[in-house]
């Protein structure tokens, strides 16, 4: 996200992949609250990987708006919010 902002590039998708050690399988986690707030800069249509509840082997991608259906920015016009503009 930091590199995208520095280069004035749009973030369209995000995925968080973790594992317990170098031999453990990979697991997909949904973005944490801080990352969700940062991703809002690129809009609520950023696609976020979430686990399919099958040990994270097959992630689903859902729009950020689905992770935050009652986000605080909804009470403000888009023109009043800092956001990515092409």
N, C-alpha and C. Protein backbone atom coordinates (compact mmCIF):
# COMPACT_ATOMS: atom_id res chain seq x y z
N UNK A 1 0.81 -1.19 0.00
CA UNK A 1 0.00 0.00 0.00
C UNK A 1 0.86 1.25 0.00
N UNK A 2 1.92 1.23 0.77
CA UNK A 2 2.80 2.41 0.84
C UNK A 2 3.46 2.67 -0.50
N UNK A 3 3.93 1.62 -1.16
CA UNK A 3 4.58 1.78 -2.46
C UNK A 3 3.58 2.28 -3.50
N UNK A 4 2.36 1.78 -3.46
CA UNK A 4 1.33 2.23 -4.40
C UNK A 4 1.05 3.72 -4.21
N UNK A 5 0.95 4.15 -2.97
CA UNK A 5 0.70 5.57 -2.72
C UNK A 5 1.88 6.41 -3.20
N UNK A 6 3.09 5.95 -2.92
CA UNK A 6 4.28 6.69 -3.32
C UNK A 6 4.35 6.84 -4.84
N UNK A 7 3.96 5.80 -5.56
CA UNK A 7 4.03 5.79 -7.02
C UNK A 7 2.74 6.27 -7.67
N UNK A 8 1.78 6.72 -6.86
CA UNK A 8 0.48 7.17 -7.35
C UNK A 8 -0.20 6.09 -8.19
N UNK A 9 -0.23 4.87 -7.64
CA UNK A 9 -0.85 3.74 -8.31
C UNK A 9 -2.09 3.32 -7.54
N UNK A 10 -3.02 2.77 -8.23
CA UNK A 10 -4.28 2.33 -7.61
C UNK A 10 -4.13 0.91 -7.07
N UNK A 11 -4.63 0.68 -5.88
CA UNK A 11 -4.71 -0.66 -5.31
C UNK A 11 -6.10 -1.20 -5.67
N UNK A 12 -6.14 -2.37 -6.28
CA UNK A 12 -7.41 -2.96 -6.68
C UNK A 12 -7.75 -4.22 -5.89
N UNK A 13 -6.72 -4.94 -5.42
CA UNK A 13 -6.91 -6.18 -4.68
C UNK A 13 -5.90 -6.24 -3.54
N UNK A 14 -6.24 -6.99 -2.51
CA UNK A 14 -5.32 -7.18 -1.40
C UNK A 14 -5.47 -8.60 -0.85
N UNK A 15 -4.35 -9.16 -0.40
CA UNK A 15 -4.38 -10.49 0.21
C UNK A 15 -3.32 -10.53 1.31
N UNK A 16 -3.67 -11.12 2.43
CA UNK A 16 -2.74 -11.30 3.56
C UNK A 16 -2.52 -12.80 3.71
N UNK A 17 -1.28 -13.23 3.52
CA UNK A 17 -0.94 -14.65 3.59
C UNK A 17 0.04 -14.84 4.73
N UNK A 18 -0.26 -15.79 5.61
CA UNK A 18 0.60 -16.08 6.76
C UNK A 18 0.82 -17.59 6.87
N UNK A 19 1.82 -17.94 7.66
CA UNK A 19 2.00 -19.33 8.07
C UNK A 19 2.77 -19.35 9.37
N UNK A 20 2.61 -20.39 10.13
CA UNK A 20 3.21 -20.48 11.46
C UNK A 20 4.72 -20.63 11.42
N UNK A 21 5.23 -21.33 10.44
CA UNK A 21 6.67 -21.48 10.25
C UNK A 21 6.93 -21.84 8.80
N UNK A 22 8.20 -22.04 8.44
CA UNK A 22 8.54 -22.27 7.04
C UNK A 22 8.03 -23.60 6.49
N UNK A 23 7.54 -24.48 7.36
CA UNK A 23 7.02 -25.77 6.92
C UNK A 23 5.50 -25.84 6.98
N UNK A 24 4.88 -24.87 7.59
CA UNK A 24 3.43 -24.87 7.76
C UNK A 24 2.73 -24.43 6.47
N UNK A 25 1.50 -24.85 6.29
CA UNK A 25 0.75 -24.41 5.11
C UNK A 25 0.40 -22.92 5.22
N UNK A 26 0.20 -22.31 4.08
CA UNK A 26 -0.20 -20.90 4.05
C UNK A 26 -1.68 -20.78 4.43
N UNK A 27 -2.00 -19.69 5.09
CA UNK A 27 -3.37 -19.37 5.46
C UNK A 27 -3.68 -17.95 5.02
N UNK A 28 -4.87 -17.75 4.50
CA UNK A 28 -5.31 -16.42 4.08
C UNK A 28 -6.12 -15.79 5.21
N UNK A 29 -5.77 -14.56 5.56
CA UNK A 29 -6.50 -13.81 6.58
C UNK A 29 -7.14 -12.59 5.93
N UNK A 30 -8.29 -12.19 6.42
CA UNK A 30 -8.89 -10.95 5.93
C UNK A 30 -8.06 -9.78 6.44
N UNK A 31 -8.12 -8.62 5.77
CA UNK A 31 -7.31 -7.48 6.23
C UNK A 31 -7.74 -7.02 7.61
N UNK A 32 -6.77 -6.66 8.43
CA UNK A 32 -7.07 -6.18 9.78
C UNK A 32 -7.74 -4.81 9.69
N UNK A 33 -8.18 -4.30 10.80
CA UNK A 33 -8.86 -3.01 10.84
C UNK A 33 -8.01 -1.86 10.33
N UNK A 34 -6.74 -1.84 10.70
CA UNK A 34 -5.85 -0.76 10.25
C UNK A 34 -5.70 -0.82 8.73
N UNK A 35 -5.49 -2.02 8.19
CA UNK A 35 -5.37 -2.15 6.74
C UNK A 35 -6.67 -1.78 6.04
N UNK A 36 -7.80 -2.14 6.61
CA UNK A 36 -9.08 -1.77 6.01
C UNK A 36 -9.23 -0.25 5.95
N UNK A 37 -8.83 0.44 7.00
CA UNK A 37 -8.90 1.90 6.99
C UNK A 37 -7.99 2.48 5.92
N UNK A 38 -6.80 1.94 5.77
CA UNK A 38 -5.85 2.43 4.76
C UNK A 38 -6.34 2.12 3.36
N UNK A 39 -6.94 0.94 3.16
CA UNK A 39 -7.44 0.57 1.84
C UNK A 39 -8.58 1.46 1.39
N UNK A 40 -9.31 2.07 2.32
CA UNK A 40 -10.42 2.96 2.00
C UNK A 40 -9.99 4.11 1.10
N UNK A 41 -8.72 4.49 1.17
CA UNK A 41 -8.21 5.56 0.33
C UNK A 41 -8.47 5.26 -1.15
N UNK A 42 -8.40 3.97 -1.53
CA UNK A 42 -8.61 3.57 -2.92
C UNK A 42 -10.06 3.21 -3.21
N UNK A 43 -10.93 3.37 -2.26
CA UNK A 43 -12.36 3.16 -2.48
C UNK A 43 -12.88 1.88 -1.86
N UNK A 44 -14.20 1.82 -1.73
CA UNK A 44 -14.80 0.65 -1.10
C UNK A 44 -14.98 -0.51 -2.05
N UNK A 45 -14.48 -0.37 -3.28
CA UNK A 45 -14.56 -1.47 -4.24
C UNK A 45 -13.27 -2.28 -4.32
N UNK A 46 -12.27 -1.97 -3.48
CA UNK A 46 -11.04 -2.77 -3.43
C UNK A 46 -11.45 -4.20 -3.04
N UNK A 47 -10.96 -5.16 -3.79
CA UNK A 47 -11.31 -6.56 -3.54
C UNK A 47 -10.34 -7.14 -2.50
N UNK A 48 -10.91 -7.69 -1.43
CA UNK A 48 -10.14 -8.20 -0.29
C UNK A 48 -10.28 -9.72 -0.20
N UNK A 49 -9.14 -10.39 -0.07
CA UNK A 49 -9.17 -11.84 0.11
C UNK A 49 -9.62 -12.16 1.53
N UNK A 50 -10.52 -13.12 1.64
CA UNK A 50 -10.97 -13.63 2.93
C UNK A 50 -10.95 -15.15 2.85
N UNK A 51 -10.82 -15.80 3.98
CA UNK A 51 -10.78 -17.25 4.02
C UNK A 51 -12.15 -17.83 3.67
N UNK A 52 -12.11 -18.98 3.02
CA UNK A 52 -13.36 -19.68 2.71
C UNK A 52 -13.73 -20.66 3.84
N UNK A 53 -13.06 -20.51 4.98
CA UNK A 53 -13.25 -21.37 6.15
C UNK A 53 -12.81 -22.82 5.89
N UNK A 54 -11.97 -23.00 4.90
CA UNK A 54 -11.42 -24.32 4.59
C UNK A 54 -9.91 -24.23 4.76
N UNK A 55 -9.47 -23.84 5.95
CA UNK A 55 -8.06 -23.65 6.28
C UNK A 55 -7.41 -22.59 5.37
N UNK A 56 -8.21 -21.72 4.79
CA UNK A 56 -7.68 -20.62 3.99
C UNK A 56 -7.04 -21.04 2.69
N UNK A 57 -7.30 -22.26 2.24
CA UNK A 57 -6.66 -22.75 1.02
C UNK A 57 -7.25 -22.13 -0.24
N UNK A 58 -8.50 -21.76 -0.20
CA UNK A 58 -9.18 -21.21 -1.37
C UNK A 58 -9.82 -19.88 -1.00
N UNK A 59 -9.08 -18.80 -1.12
CA UNK A 59 -9.63 -17.52 -0.69
C UNK A 59 -10.76 -17.04 -1.60
N UNK A 60 -11.65 -16.30 -1.00
CA UNK A 60 -12.69 -15.61 -1.74
C UNK A 60 -12.29 -14.14 -1.78
N UNK A 61 -12.68 -13.43 -2.80
CA UNK A 61 -12.43 -11.99 -2.87
C UNK A 61 -13.77 -11.27 -2.78
N UNK A 62 -13.87 -10.39 -1.79
CA UNK A 62 -15.09 -9.61 -1.59
C UNK A 62 -14.73 -8.12 -1.56
N UNK A 63 -15.65 -7.26 -1.96
CA UNK A 63 -15.37 -5.83 -1.91
C UNK A 63 -15.20 -5.35 -0.47
N UNK A 64 -14.33 -4.38 -0.29
CA UNK A 64 -14.10 -3.81 1.03
C UNK A 64 -15.41 -3.37 1.67
N UNK A 65 -16.34 -2.85 0.87
CA UNK A 65 -17.63 -2.39 1.41
C UNK A 65 -18.38 -3.52 2.14
N UNK A 66 -18.15 -4.77 1.73
CA UNK A 66 -18.81 -5.90 2.39
C UNK A 66 -18.19 -6.21 3.74
N UNK A 67 -16.91 -5.85 3.92
CA UNK A 67 -16.26 -6.05 5.21
C UNK A 67 -16.66 -4.95 6.20
N UNK A 68 -17.04 -3.80 5.67
CA UNK A 68 -17.38 -2.64 6.49
C UNK A 68 -18.72 -2.05 6.05
N UNK A 69 -19.82 -2.76 6.25
CA UNK A 69 -21.10 -2.26 5.74
C UNK A 69 -21.59 -0.97 6.40
N UNK A 70 -21.03 -0.63 7.55
CA UNK A 70 -21.48 0.58 8.26
C UNK A 70 -20.30 1.52 8.51
N UNK A 71 -19.42 1.63 7.55
CA UNK A 71 -18.21 2.44 7.73
C UNK A 71 -18.56 3.90 7.97
N UNK A 72 -17.78 4.55 8.81
CA UNK A 72 -18.05 5.94 9.21
C UNK A 72 -18.01 6.92 8.05
N UNK A 73 -17.29 6.60 6.96
CA UNK A 73 -17.20 7.55 5.85
C UNK A 73 -18.51 7.70 5.08
N UNK A 74 -19.46 6.82 5.30
CA UNK A 74 -20.73 6.89 4.58
C UNK A 74 -21.54 8.15 4.89
N UNK A 75 -21.24 8.80 5.99
CA UNK A 75 -22.00 10.01 6.34
C UNK A 75 -21.45 11.26 5.67
N UNK A 76 -20.32 11.14 4.96
CA UNK A 76 -19.69 12.29 4.31
C UNK A 76 -19.75 12.16 2.79
N UNK A 77 -19.91 13.28 2.09
CA UNK A 77 -19.81 13.22 0.62
C UNK A 77 -18.37 12.87 0.23
N UNK A 78 -18.21 12.14 -0.86
CA UNK A 78 -16.89 11.73 -1.32
C UNK A 78 -15.96 12.93 -1.52
N UNK A 79 -16.51 14.06 -1.89
CA UNK A 79 -15.69 15.26 -2.13
C UNK A 79 -15.02 15.77 -0.85
N UNK A 80 -15.53 15.37 0.30
CA UNK A 80 -14.96 15.79 1.58
C UNK A 80 -13.92 14.81 2.13
N UNK A 81 -13.73 13.69 1.46
CA UNK A 81 -12.81 12.67 1.95
C UNK A 81 -11.56 12.62 1.08
N UNK A 82 -10.42 12.36 1.74
CA UNK A 82 -9.20 12.15 0.98
C UNK A 82 -9.32 10.77 0.31
N UNK A 83 -9.14 10.74 -1.00
CA UNK A 83 -9.25 9.48 -1.71
C UNK A 83 -8.44 9.53 -2.99
N UNK A 84 -8.23 8.35 -3.54
CA UNK A 84 -7.45 8.21 -4.78
C UNK A 84 -8.24 8.80 -5.94
N UNK A 85 -7.56 9.60 -6.74
CA UNK A 85 -8.16 10.15 -7.95
C UNK A 85 -7.22 9.88 -9.11
N UNK A 86 -7.73 9.43 -10.21
CA UNK A 86 -6.90 9.17 -11.40
C UNK A 86 -6.54 10.45 -12.07
